Amino acid sequence: MAILRDTLDTARGLGCLLVMLARSGFGRSSAYWAWRTSTAFGDAPPRSPGDRARALLMYARWISRTRRLGR
């Protein structure tokens, strides 16, 4: 069940990120997206694309789980 929950949380989290990106007009240079990026990756973002992708997916899961707890 944990794998299924992680998969669903990842999909929901990526959907939430996509909606936020669309609402901001796909402009990632604002102060909001700078804050979002620092929240997802910290002060030293991962250098390799694979590490960045893993960090993004973990962040998407966190978003989904946080939103679920808020309901």
PDB file of N, CA and C in Angstrom:
ATOM      1  N   MET A   1       0.812  -1.207   0.000  1.00  0.00           N
ATOM      2  CA  MET A   1       0.000   0.000   0.000  1.00  0.00           C
ATOM      3  C   MET A   1       0.853   1.268   0.000  1.00  0.00           C
ATOM      4  N   ALA A   2       2.047   1.204   0.600  1.00  0.00           N
ATOM      5  CA  ALA A   2       2.888   2.401   0.679  1.00  0.00           C
ATOM      6  C   ALA A   2       3.318   2.872  -0.702  1.00  0.00           C
ATOM      7  N   ILE A   3       3.593   1.940  -1.599  1.00  0.00           N
ATOM      8  CA  ILE A   3       4.010   2.315  -2.958  1.00  0.00           C
ATOM      9  C   ILE A   3       2.864   3.001  -3.681  1.00  0.00           C
ATOM     10  N   LEU A   4       1.656   2.479  -3.516  1.00  0.00           N
ATOM     11  CA  LEU A   4       0.485   3.090  -4.153  1.00  0.00           C
ATOM     12  C   LEU A   4       0.241   4.492  -3.594  1.00  0.00           C
ATOM     13  N   ARG A   5       0.337   4.636  -2.272  1.00  0.00           N
ATOM     14  CA  ARG A   5       0.127   5.949  -1.653  1.00  0.00           C
ATOM     15  C   ARG A   5       1.180   6.944  -2.122  1.00  0.00           C
ATOM     16  N   ASP A   6       2.452   6.515  -2.184  1.00  0.00           N
ATOM     17  CA  ASP A   6       3.517   7.402  -2.674  1.00  0.00           C
ATOM     18  C   ASP A   6       3.254   7.829  -4.117  1.00  0.00           C
ATOM     19  N   THR A   7       2.807   6.889  -4.946  1.00  0.00           N
ATOM     20  CA  THR A   7       2.522   7.199  -6.344  1.00  0.00           C
ATOM     21  C   THR A   7       1.387   8.208  -6.463  1.00  0.00           C
ATOM     22  N   LEU A   8       0.319   7.989  -5.702  1.00  0.00           N
ATOM     23  CA  LEU A   8      -0.814   8.929  -5.736  1.00  0.00           C
ATOM     24  C   LEU A   8      -0.420  10.294  -5.176  1.00  0.00           C
ATOM     25  N   ASP A   9       0.341  10.300  -4.081  1.00  0.00           N
ATOM     26  CA  ASP A   9       0.795  11.571  -3.519  1.00  0.00           C
ATOM     27  C   ASP A   9       1.686  12.329  -4.500  1.00  0.00           C
ATOM     28  N   THR A  10       2.546  11.602  -5.197  1.00  0.00           N
ATOM     29  CA  THR A  10       3.420  12.241  -6.182  1.00  0.00           C
ATOM     30  C   THR A  10       2.595  12.846  -7.309  1.00  0.00           C
ATOM     31  N   ALA A  11       1.623  12.097  -7.810  1.00  0.00           N
ATOM     32  CA  ALA A  11       0.773  12.598  -8.909  1.00  0.00           C
ATOM     33  C   ALA A  11      -0.028  13.823  -8.467  1.00  0.00           C
ATOM     34  N   ARG A  12      -0.620  13.750  -7.273  1.00  0.00           N
ATOM     35  CA  ARG A  12      -1.384  14.900  -6.766  1.00  0.00           C
ATOM     36  C   ARG A  12      -0.486  16.115  -6.557  1.00  0.00           C
ATOM     37  N   GLY A  13       0.685  15.895  -5.984  1.00  0.00           N
ATOM     38  CA  GLY A  13       1.614  16.992  -5.732  1.00  0.00           C
ATOM     39  C   GLY A  13       2.088  17.643  -7.020  1.00  0.00           C
ATOM     40  N   LEU A  14       2.412  16.827  -8.034  1.00  0.00           N
ATOM     41  CA  LEU A  14       2.816  17.386  -9.323  1.00  0.00           C
ATOM     42  C   LEU A  14       1.672  18.160  -9.960  1.00  0.00           C
ATOM     43  N   GLY A  15       0.448  17.654  -9.786  1.00  0.00           N
ATOM     44  CA  GLY A  15      -0.724  18.382 -10.290  1.00  0.00           C
ATOM     45  C   GLY A  15      -0.870  19.731  -9.606  1.00  0.00           C
ATOM     46  N   CYS A  16      -0.666  19.762  -8.287  1.00  0.00           N
ATOM     47  CA  CYS A  16      -0.742  21.030  -7.547  1.00  0.00           C
ATOM     48  C   CYS A  16       0.330  22.006  -8.029  1.00  0.00           C
ATOM     49  N   LEU A  17       1.548  21.507  -8.229  1.00  0.00           N
ATOM     50  CA  LEU A  17       2.610  22.369  -8.730  1.00  0.00           C
ATOM     51  C   LEU A  17       2.295  22.898 -10.121  1.00  0.00           C
ATOM     52  N   LEU A  18       1.721  22.049 -10.967  1.00  0.00           N
ATOM     53  CA  LEU A  18       1.361  22.479 -12.317  1.00  0.00           C
ATOM     54  C   LEU A  18       0.278  23.552 -12.283  1.00  0.00           C
ATOM     55  N   VAL A  19      -0.704  23.388 -11.410  1.00  0.00           N
ATOM     56  CA  VAL A  19      -1.760  24.400 -11.276  1.00  0.00           C
ATOM     57  C   VAL A  19      -1.169  25.720 -10.791  1.00  0.00           C
ATOM     58  N   MET A  20      -0.274  25.659  -9.797  1.00  0.00           N
ATOM     59  CA  MET A  20       0.357  26.890  -9.308  1.00  0.00           C
ATOM     60  C   MET A  20       1.178  27.556 -10.405  1.00  0.00           C
ATOM     61  N   LEU A  21       1.878  26.755 -11.185  1.00  0.00           N
ATOM     62  CA  LEU A  21       2.682  27.294 -12.279  1.00  0.00           C
ATOM     63  C   LEU A  21       1.785  27.941 -13.336  1.00  0.00           C
ATOM     64  N   ALA A  22       0.662  27.313 -13.656  1.00  0.00           N
ATOM     65  CA  ALA A  22      -0.272  27.875 -14.641  1.00  0.00           C
ATOM     66  C   ALA A  22      -0.892  29.172 -14.126  1.00  0.00           C
ATOM     67  N   ARG A  23      -1.250  29.205 -12.847  1.00  0.00           N
ATOM     68  CA  ARG A  23      -1.847  30.415 -12.285  1.00  0.00           C
ATOM     69  C   ARG A  23      -0.882  31.590 -12.257  1.00  0.00           C
ATOM     70  N   SER A  24       0.401  31.282 -12.183  1.00  0.00           N
ATOM     71  CA  SER A  24       1.391  32.356 -12.172  1.00  0.00           C
ATOM     72  C   SER A  24       1.788  32.758 -13.590  1.00  0.00           C
ATOM     73  N   GLY A  25       1.134  32.203 -14.591  1.00  0.00           N
ATOM     74  CA  GLY A  25       1.419  32.567 -15.974  1.00  0.00           C
ATOM     75  C   GLY A  25       2.710  31.957 -16.492  1.00  0.00           C
ATOM     76  N   PHE A  26       3.124  30.845 -15.882  1.00  0.00           N
ATOM     77  CA  PHE A  26       4.337  30.127 -16.264  1.00  0.00           C
ATOM     78  C   PHE A  26       5.585  31.002 -16.167  1.00  0.00           C
ATOM     79  N   GLY A  27       5.487  32.071 -15.378  1.00  0.00           N
ATOM     80  CA  GLY A  27       6.656  32.929 -15.150  1.00  0.00           C
ATOM     81  C   GLY A  27       7.332  32.514 -13.856  1.00  0.00           C
ATOM     82  N   ARG A  28       8.493  31.911 -13.943  1.00  0.00           N
ATOM     83  CA  ARG A  28       9.171  31.401 -12.761  1.00  0.00           C
ATOM     84  C   ARG A  28      10.193  32.364 -12.196  1.00  0.00           C
ATOM     85  N   SER A  29      10.219  33.596 -12.658  1.00  0.00           N
ATOM     86  CA  SER A  29      11.246  34.524 -12.183  1.00  0.00           C
ATOM     87  C   SER A  29      10.753  35.429 -11.046  1.00  0.00           C
ATOM     88  N   SER A  30       9.583  35.167 -10.514  1.00  0.00           N
ATOM     89  CA  SER A  30       9.045  36.017  -9.451  1.00  0.00           C
ATOM     90  C   SER A  30       9.628  35.628  -8.090  1.00  0.00           C
ATOM     91  N   ALA A  31       9.399  36.482  -7.122  1.00  0.00           N
ATOM     92  CA  ALA A  31       9.863  36.218  -5.757  1.00  0.00           C
ATOM     93  C   ALA A  31       9.191  34.966  -5.192  1.00  0.00           C
ATOM     94  N   TYR A  32       7.925  34.724  -5.571  1.00  0.00           N
ATOM     95  CA  TYR A  32       7.202  33.544  -5.098  1.00  0.00           C
ATOM     96  C   TYR A  32       7.916  32.269  -5.537  1.00  0.00           C
ATOM     97  N   TRP A  33       8.307  32.195  -6.802  1.00  0.00           N
ATOM     98  CA  TRP A  33       8.948  30.980  -7.302  1.00  0.00           C
ATOM     99  C   TRP A  33      10.366  30.844  -6.763  1.00  0.00           C
ATOM    100  N   ALA A  34      11.021  31.959  -6.467  1.00  0.00           N
ATOM    101  CA  ALA A  34      12.335  31.873  -5.818  1.00  0.00           C
ATOM    102  C   ALA A  34      12.171  31.252  -4.428  1.00  0.00           C
ATOM    103  N   TRP A  35      11.122  31.661  -3.719  1.00  0.00           N
ATOM    104  CA  TRP A  35      10.843  31.090  -2.407  1.00  0.00           C
ATOM    105  C   TRP A  35      10.480  29.613  -2.530  1.00  0.00           C
ATOM    106  N   ARG A  36       9.640  29.275  -3.499  1.00  0.00           N
ATOM    107  CA  ARG A  36       9.223  27.885  -3.718  1.00  0.00           C
ATOM    108  C   ARG A  36      10.422  26.997  -4.026  1.00  0.00           C
ATOM    109  N   THR A  37      11.325  27.499  -4.860  1.00  0.00           N
ATOM    110  CA  THR A  37      12.510  26.734  -5.222  1.00  0.00           C
ATOM    111  C   THR A  37      13.403  26.516  -4.007  1.00  0.00           C
ATOM    112  N   SER A  38      13.558  27.551  -3.195  1.00  0.00           N
ATOM    113  CA  SER A  38      14.388  27.394  -2.002  1.00  0.00           C
ATOM    114  C   SER A  38      13.720  26.458  -1.001  1.00  0.00           C
ATOM    115  N   THR A  39      12.394  26.422  -0.956  1.00  0.00           N
ATOM    116  CA  THR A  39      11.681  25.498  -0.082  1.00  0.00           C
ATOM    117  C   THR A  39      11.886  24.062  -0.558  1.00  0.00           C
ATOM    118  N   ALA A  40      11.841  23.855  -1.855  1.00  0.00           N
ATOM    119  CA  ALA A  40      11.970  22.501  -2.402  1.00  0.00           C
ATOM    120  C   ALA A  40      13.402  21.994  -2.341  1.00  0.00           C
ATOM    121  N   PHE A  41      14.366  22.844  -2.659  1.00  0.00           N
ATOM    122  CA  PHE A  41      15.742  22.389  -2.818  1.00  0.00           C
ATOM    123  C   PHE A  41      16.703  22.903  -1.759  1.00  0.00           C
ATOM    124  N   GLY A  42      16.298  23.842  -0.940  1.00  0.00           N
ATOM    125  CA  GLY A  42      17.197  24.401   0.056  1.00  0.00           C
ATOM    126  C   GLY A  42      18.132  25.428  -0.561  1.00  0.00           C
ATOM    127  N   ASP A  43      19.130  25.798   0.185  1.00  0.00           N
ATOM    128  CA  ASP A  43      20.063  26.826  -0.285  1.00  0.00           C
ATOM    129  C   ASP A  43      21.033  26.319  -1.343  1.00  0.00           C
ATOM    130  N   ALA A  44      21.279  25.016  -1.353  1.00  0.00           N
ATOM    131  CA  ALA A  44      22.205  24.437  -2.330  1.00  0.00           C
ATOM    132  C   ALA A  44      21.455  23.407  -3.166  1.00  0.00           C
ATOM    133  N   PRO A  45      20.867  23.837  -4.290  1.00  0.00           N
ATOM    134  CA  PRO A  45      20.094  22.894  -5.102  1.00  0.00           C
ATOM    135  C   PRO A  45      20.981  21.769  -5.641  1.00  0.00           C
ATOM    136  N   PRO A  46      20.399  20.582  -5.806  1.00  0.00           N
ATOM    137  CA  PRO A  46      21.172  19.468  -6.346  1.00  0.00           C
ATOM    138  C   PRO A  46      21.716  19.798  -7.732  1.00  0.00           C
ATOM    139  N   ARG A  47      22.922  19.350  -8.019  1.00  0.00           N
ATOM    140  CA  ARG A  47      23.563  19.670  -9.288  1.00  0.00           C
ATOM    141  C   ARG A  47      23.152  18.726 -10.415  1.00  0.00           C
ATOM    142  N   SER A  48      23.025  17.458 -10.125  1.00  0.00           N
ATOM    143  CA  SER A  48      22.712  16.518 -11.201  1.00  0.00           C
ATOM    144  C   SER A  48      21.205  16.520 -11.483  1.00  0.00           C
ATOM    145  N   PRO A  49      20.823  16.320 -12.743  1.00  0.00           N
ATOM    146  CA  PRO A  49      19.396  16.290 -13.089  1.00  0.00           C
ATOM    147  C   PRO A  49      18.634  15.196 -12.335  1.00  0.00           C
ATOM    148  N   GLY A  50      19.264  14.054 -12.120  1.00  0.00           N
ATOM    149  CA  GLY A  50      18.596  12.973 -11.392  1.00  0.00           C
ATOM    150  C   GLY A  50      18.301  13.350  -9.954  1.00  0.00           C
ATOM    151  N   ASP A  51      19.264  13.984  -9.305  1.00  0.00           N
ATOM    152  CA  ASP A  51      19.061  14.423  -7.917  1.00  0.00           C
ATOM    153  C   ASP A  51      17.990  15.506  -7.843  1.00  0.00           C
ATOM    154  N   ARG A  52      17.990  16.408  -8.829  1.00  0.00           N
ATOM    155  CA  ARG A  52      16.952  17.449  -8.865  1.00  0.00           C
ATOM    156  C   ARG A  52      15.575  16.837  -9.055  1.00  0.00           C
ATOM    157  N   ALA A  53      15.475  15.842  -9.938  1.00  0.00           N
ATOM    158  CA  ALA A  53      14.188  15.180 -10.184  1.00  0.00           C
ATOM    159  C   ALA A  53      13.703  14.475  -8.924  1.00  0.00           C
ATOM    160  N   ARG A  54      14.607  13.770  -8.229  1.00  0.00           N
ATOM    161  CA  ARG A  54      14.212  13.104  -6.986  1.00  0.00           C
ATOM    162  C   ARG A  54      13.754  14.106  -5.939  1.00  0.00           C
ATOM    163  N   ALA A  55      14.465  15.220  -5.815  1.00  0.00           N
ATOM    164  CA  ALA A  55      14.075  16.250  -4.847  1.00  0.00           C
ATOM    165  C   ALA A  55      12.716  16.849  -5.207  1.00  0.00           C
ATOM    166  N   LEU A  56      12.473  17.065  -6.491  1.00  0.00           N
ATOM    167  CA  LEU A  56      11.185  17.601  -6.925  1.00  0.00           C
ATOM    168  C   LEU A  56      10.054  16.625  -6.623  1.00  0.00           C
ATOM    169  N   LEU A  57      10.273  15.344  -6.871  1.00  0.00           N
ATOM    170  CA  LEU A  57       9.238  14.348  -6.588  1.00  0.00           C
ATOM    171  C   LEU A  57       8.976  14.233  -5.087  1.00  0.00           C
ATOM    172  N   MET A  58      10.022  14.293  -4.273  1.00  0.00           N
ATOM    173  CA  MET A  58       9.827  14.277  -2.817  1.00  0.00           C
ATOM    174  C   MET A  58       9.054  15.520  -2.369  1.00  0.00           C
ATOM    175  N   TYR A  59       9.353  16.660  -2.977  1.00  0.00           N
ATOM    176  CA  TYR A  59       8.640  17.896  -2.642  1.00  0.00           C
ATOM    177  C   TYR A  59       7.175  17.796  -3.057  1.00  0.00           C
ATOM    178  N   ALA A  60       6.911  17.203  -4.221  1.00  0.00           N
ATOM    179  CA  ALA A  60       5.529  17.026  -4.670  1.00  0.00           C
ATOM    180  C   ALA A  60       4.761  16.139  -3.692  1.00  0.00           C
ATOM    181  N   ARG A  61       5.401  15.058  -3.219  1.00  0.00           N
ATOM    182  CA  ARG A  61       4.741  14.199  -2.222  1.00  0.00           C
ATOM    183  C   ARG A  61       4.445  14.978  -0.950  1.00  0.00           C
ATOM    184  N   TRP A  62       5.389  15.805  -0.522  1.00  0.00           N
ATOM    185  CA  TRP A  62       5.196  16.599   0.687  1.00  0.00           C
ATOM    186  C   TRP A  62       4.016  17.557   0.519  1.00  0.00           C
ATOM    187  N   ILE A  63       3.921  18.192  -0.644  1.00  0.00           N
ATOM    188  CA  ILE A  63       2.803  19.107  -0.897  1.00  0.00           C
ATOM    189  C   ILE A  63       1.477  18.367  -0.783  1.00  0.00           C
ATOM    190  N   SER A  64       1.387  17.209  -1.416  1.00  0.00           N
ATOM    191  CA  SER A  64       0.147  16.431  -1.394  1.00  0.00           C
ATOM    192  C   SER A  64      -0.219  16.027   0.024  1.00  0.00           C
ATOM    193  N   ARG A  65       0.754  15.532   0.766  1.00  0.00           N
ATOM    194  CA  ARG A  65       0.475  15.088   2.137  1.00  0.00           C
ATOM    195  C   ARG A  65       0.098  16.254   3.037  1.00  0.00           C
ATOM    196  N   THR A  66       0.726  17.385   2.850  1.00  0.00           N
ATOM    197  CA  THR A  66       0.397  18.568   3.637  1.00  0.00           C
ATOM    198  C   THR A  66      -1.024  19.044   3.335  1.00  0.00           C
ATOM    199  N   ARG A  67      -1.383  19.053   2.061  1.00  0.00           N
ATOM    200  CA  ARG A  67      -2.736  19.463   1.695  1.00  0.00           C
ATOM    201  C   ARG A  67      -3.775  18.489   2.241  1.00  0.00           C
ATOM    202  N   ARG A  68      -3.447  17.190   2.227  1.00  0.00           N
ATOM    203  CA  ARG A  68      -4.386  16.187   2.747  1.00  0.00           C
ATOM    204  C   ARG A  68      -4.583  16.383   4.253  1.00  0.00           C
ATOM    205  N   LEU A  69      -3.522  16.709   4.984  1.00  0.00           N
ATOM    206  CA  LEU A  69      -3.643  16.931   6.427  1.00  0.00           C
ATOM    207  C   LEU A  69      -4.476  18.175   6.737  1.00  0.00           C
ATOM    208  N   GLY A  70      -4.491  19.133   5.828  1.00  0.00           N
ATOM    209  CA  GLY A  70      -5.233  20.360   6.039  1.00  0.00           C
ATOM    210  C   GLY A  70      -6.727  20.239   5.831  1.00  0.00           C
ATOM    211  N   ARG A  71      -7.150  19.113   5.323  1.00  0.00           N
ATOM    212  CA  ARG A  71      -8.598  18.937   5.058  1.00  0.00           C
ATOM    213  C   ARG A  71      -9.353  18.534   6.276  1.00  0.00           C
TER     214      ARG A  71
END
